[in-house]
Amino acid sequence: MEGALTAVPGAHPTTDPAPGPVAEHALRGSRCAACAVTVHPVDPACPSCGGPAEPVVLSTTGTVWTWTVQRYAPKSPPYVPPEGGFRPFAVGYVELPEGVRILAVLDGVRPEDLRIDMPVTITTGDGVPRARPIDPEGLSLGLPIAPGGVARGRPADSEGAAP
């Protein structure tokens, strides 16, 4: 996946704080055993009290806390421009139920449709996490994504036609 904030392979060491049956690209953080502060990304020490922190898997749903549109190409490296060149994209902070705010590329929604407190699902992979809006029933909206991660058009119905 190249484009909006894709990681350069080998640029940052990978840590796997929670080995086992957890999905490979789970959103991982740490929680302090002493004061219960939760952070992302994983940190072996609590940033609040300095005590030891345990790895945890974080929620995959949250709400948009704030957002903006990135209208210029980020510095390279670590940004890897896509073949077609840079295209503006929405990026923002998603607040999880744990109280953690995660920087994420906001896919599947036009910038003019973004709203504070919009419910989203968040996924991880290479680079910065990505978030997509969810409808009131909890399903990800099926907006087609143009290069650069910006949605075009309206959601398709079950037959694939726009309502």
Protein backbone atom coordinates (compact mmCIF):
# COMPACT_ATOMS: atom_id res chain seq x y z
CA MET A 1 0.00 0.00 0.00
CA GLU A 2 1.87 3.09 -1.21
CA GLY A 3 0.72 6.64 -0.81
CA ALA A 4 -0.61 8.48 2.19
CA LEU A 5 1.97 7.96 4.92
CA THR A 6 3.29 4.54 3.90
CA ALA A 7 6.31 3.31 5.83
CA VAL A 8 9.68 2.78 4.19
CA PRO A 9 10.59 -0.91 4.69
CA GLY A 10 13.18 -1.26 7.46
CA ALA A 11 12.96 2.41 8.52
CA HIS A 12 11.63 1.57 11.99
CA PRO A 13 12.21 -1.61 13.98
CA THR A 14 9.10 -3.73 14.48
CA THR A 15 8.13 -4.80 17.97
CA ASP A 16 5.66 -7.56 18.74
CA PRO A 17 4.63 -6.86 22.34
CA ALA A 18 1.77 -9.35 22.47
CA PRO A 19 2.77 -12.62 20.80
CA GLY A 20 0.15 -15.28 20.35
CA PRO A 21 -3.17 -15.57 18.53
CA VAL A 22 -3.60 -11.78 18.12
CA ALA A 23 -3.94 -10.63 14.50
CA GLU A 24 -0.65 -9.67 12.84
CA HIS A 25 -1.75 -6.06 12.35
CA ALA A 26 -3.58 -5.54 15.66
CA LEU A 27 -3.49 -2.03 17.07
CA ARG A 28 -1.12 -2.36 20.01
CA GLY A 29 -0.37 -0.12 22.94
CA SER A 30 0.70 -0.29 26.58
CA ARG A 31 -1.11 0.11 29.90
CA CYS A 32 0.59 1.08 33.14
CA ALA A 33 0.03 -1.42 35.95
CA ALA A 34 0.36 1.31 38.60
CA CYS A 35 -1.76 4.20 37.27
CA ALA A 36 -3.70 2.58 34.36
CA VAL A 37 -2.56 5.16 31.75
CA THR A 38 -2.84 3.64 28.26
CA VAL A 39 -0.63 4.78 25.37
CA HIS A 40 0.04 4.12 21.70
CA PRO A 41 2.47 3.01 20.39
CA VAL A 42 3.87 0.39 22.77
CA ASP A 43 6.16 1.82 25.43
CA PRO A 44 7.82 -0.25 28.16
CA ALA A 45 7.51 2.62 30.66
CA CYS A 46 4.53 4.75 31.64
CA PRO A 47 4.88 8.34 30.41
CA SER A 48 2.88 9.57 33.42
CA CYS A 49 4.47 7.87 36.44
CA GLY A 50 7.50 6.07 34.95
CA GLY A 51 6.33 2.66 36.14
CA PRO A 52 6.40 -0.48 34.01
CA ALA A 53 3.75 -0.77 31.29
CA GLU A 54 2.25 -3.99 29.95
CA PRO A 55 1.49 -4.54 26.24
CA VAL A 56 -2.21 -4.49 25.31
CA VAL A 57 -4.30 -4.84 22.17
CA LEU A 58 -6.36 -1.67 21.67
CA SER A 59 -9.92 -1.23 20.38
CA THR A 60 -10.50 -1.06 16.62
CA THR A 61 -13.34 1.48 16.84
CA GLY A 62 -13.33 5.07 17.99
CA THR A 63 -14.41 8.58 17.06
CA VAL A 64 -12.73 11.36 15.08
CA TRP A 65 -11.30 13.76 17.67
CA THR A 66 -9.92 16.26 15.14
CA TRP A 67 -8.80 16.24 11.50
CA THR A 68 -7.21 18.22 8.68
CA VAL A 69 -6.40 17.77 5.00
CA GLN A 70 -2.74 17.17 4.10
CA ARG A 71 -2.38 19.30 0.96
CA TYR A 72 1.38 18.95 0.42
CA ALA A 73 3.64 15.90 0.20
CA PRO A 74 5.26 14.87 3.47
CA LYS A 75 9.05 14.82 3.65
CA SER A 76 10.68 11.85 1.97
CA PRO A 77 11.95 9.64 3.46
CA PRO A 78 10.01 8.16 5.22
CA TYR A 79 7.09 9.13 2.91
CA VAL A 80 6.91 7.03 -0.25
CA PRO A 81 5.04 8.88 -3.01
CA PRO A 82 2.69 6.73 -5.12
CA GLU A 83 3.40 6.23 -8.83
CA GLY A 84 0.77 8.81 -9.85
CA GLY A 85 2.27 11.46 -7.57
CA PHE A 86 1.01 13.06 -4.39
CA ARG A 87 -2.72 13.68 -3.85
CA PRO A 88 -4.20 15.46 -0.81
CA PHE A 89 -5.63 13.22 1.91
CA ALA A 90 -7.44 13.59 5.22
CA VAL A 91 -5.58 12.78 8.42
CA GLY A 92 -6.71 13.11 12.00
CA TYR A 93 -6.73 11.82 15.54
CA VAL A 94 -9.11 8.99 16.44
CA GLU A 95 -10.03 8.70 20.12
CA LEU A 96 -10.42 5.09 21.30
CA PRO A 97 -12.62 3.97 24.23
CA GLU A 98 -9.39 3.51 26.25
CA GLY A 99 -8.88 7.30 26.02
CA VAL A 100 -5.91 6.99 23.65
CA ARG A 101 -5.79 9.26 20.58
CA ILE A 102 -4.25 7.67 17.49
CA LEU A 103 -3.03 9.53 14.39
CA ALA A 104 -4.68 7.93 11.33
CA VAL A 105 -5.22 8.53 7.64
CA LEU A 106 -9.00 9.02 7.20
CA ASP A 107 -10.10 6.88 4.24
CA GLY A 108 -13.52 6.43 2.69
CA VAL A 109 -14.89 9.90 3.32
CA ARG A 110 -14.74 13.23 1.51
CA PRO A 111 -13.13 15.99 3.58
CA GLU A 112 -16.35 18.03 3.46
CA ASP A 113 -18.20 15.08 5.06
CA LEU A 114 -15.79 14.63 7.99
CA ARG A 115 -17.19 15.51 11.41
CA ILE A 116 -15.83 15.62 14.93
CA ASP A 117 -17.18 12.58 16.88
CA MET A 118 -17.75 10.62 13.62
CA PRO A 119 -17.58 6.89 14.49
CA VAL A 120 -14.77 5.05 12.67
CA THR A 121 -13.02 1.71 12.53
CA ILE A 122 -9.24 1.78 12.66
CA THR A 123 -6.84 -0.69 11.05
CA THR A 124 -3.08 -1.05 10.97
CA GLY A 125 -0.54 -2.27 8.49
CA ASP A 126 2.53 -0.66 7.00
CA GLY A 127 2.83 3.00 7.95
CA VAL A 128 0.29 5.11 9.81
CA PRO A 129 -2.99 3.46 10.94
CA ARG A 130 -6.03 4.06 8.70
CA ALA A 131 -9.60 4.84 9.77
CA ARG A 132 -12.89 4.51 7.87
CA PRO A 133 -16.32 5.82 8.89
CA ILE A 134 -18.90 3.34 10.14
CA ASP A 135 -22.65 3.59 9.72
CA PRO A 136 -25.09 3.50 12.68
CA GLU A 137 -25.31 -0.31 12.43
CA GLY A 138 -21.53 -0.57 12.87
CA LEU A 139 -20.59 -1.51 9.31
CA SER A 140 -17.82 0.22 7.37
CA LEU A 141 -19.26 2.46 4.68
CA GLY A 142 -18.59 1.21 1.14
CA LEU A 143 -17.33 4.38 -0.51
CA PRO A 144 -14.95 3.84 -3.41
CA ILE A 145 -11.47 5.13 -2.67
CA ALA A 146 -9.59 7.24 -5.19
CA PRO A 147 -5.78 7.41 -5.23
CA GLY A 148 -4.64 9.23 -2.11
CA GLY A 149 -7.36 7.67 0.07
CA VAL A 150 -10.15 10.19 -0.59
CA ALA A 151 -13.64 8.82 -1.21
CA ARG A 152 -15.41 9.68 -4.41
CA GLY A 153 -19.16 9.49 -4.97
CA ARG A 154 -21.76 8.11 -2.61
CA PRO A 155 -22.00 4.75 -0.84
CA ALA A 156 -23.11 1.89 -3.06
CA ASP A 157 -26.15 -0.20 -2.21
CA SER A 158 -26.01 -4.01 -2.04
CA GLU A 159 -26.25 -4.19 -5.85
CA GLY A 160 -23.25 -1.86 -6.27
CA ALA A 161 -25.32 1.07 -7.57
CA ALA A 162 -25.33 4.47 -5.93
CA PRO A 163 -28.63 5.20 -4.16
